[in-house]
Amino acid sequence: MFKLFKPSYDLKPAFYKMTFDYRDFPEDDIRYFREAAKRNFDFVEYIRMLHDHSLGIRLPKGLVPYDTFWMMDDGRQTIYAVSRLRHKLNVHSVREGGHIGYDVPPSLRKRGYGTELLRLTLVRAASMGFKKVLVTCDFDNEGSAKVIERNGGVFENEMVSSYSGKLVKRYWIDCSLLSGTQR
């Protein structure tokens, strides 16, 4: 049984295991490893930064407050996937990015982890008072589109990414249908 955990100091061994075990991410797709890859990486500061970002403190320009979640089993030894729940949308995230972003290492894909990660993040969004959330994926990311659709995503439209130039699919998910238990 998987649960979402906010990054915390006691999860340092699982974090380092994740950064070592899941090096199969393409170089441009390791969003949450950027900090760990720095020469003088400070895990305590990293956790503090994520906590501050959830409160809207020390946010880099263009970002909105967001919570980071690590999907782990009850043993809390392994981080299987990571999600981010943005508290609101800005100009960028309304076009691409949406309220929820998530990452599943390539070696763990096609096992249902992405579907469960998004489901758990949606439950968290509902508990925070979200009625609907926007979730996006690249047009050619069929796996992510399936994850979104399995979680009730209703396709709205496509937009061109200002970063990649690729088409981005935009989906809305109704959080009021979630009760916090398996659907």
Foldseek 3Di string as FASTA:
>chain_A
DKAKDFDDPVLVQQVVCCLVVQPQDPPVPPVVCVQVPDPPRDSVVVSVVQVCLLVVHPDDPPAARKTKIFIDPPVSNHGQKIKIAGPDDDPQCVQAVKRMDIDGRPVNPPPCPLLVVVLNVLLVCVVVPDQKIKHKDFPPCVSNVVSCVVQPWDWDDWDQHPPPRTIMTITMHGSVVDDNDDD
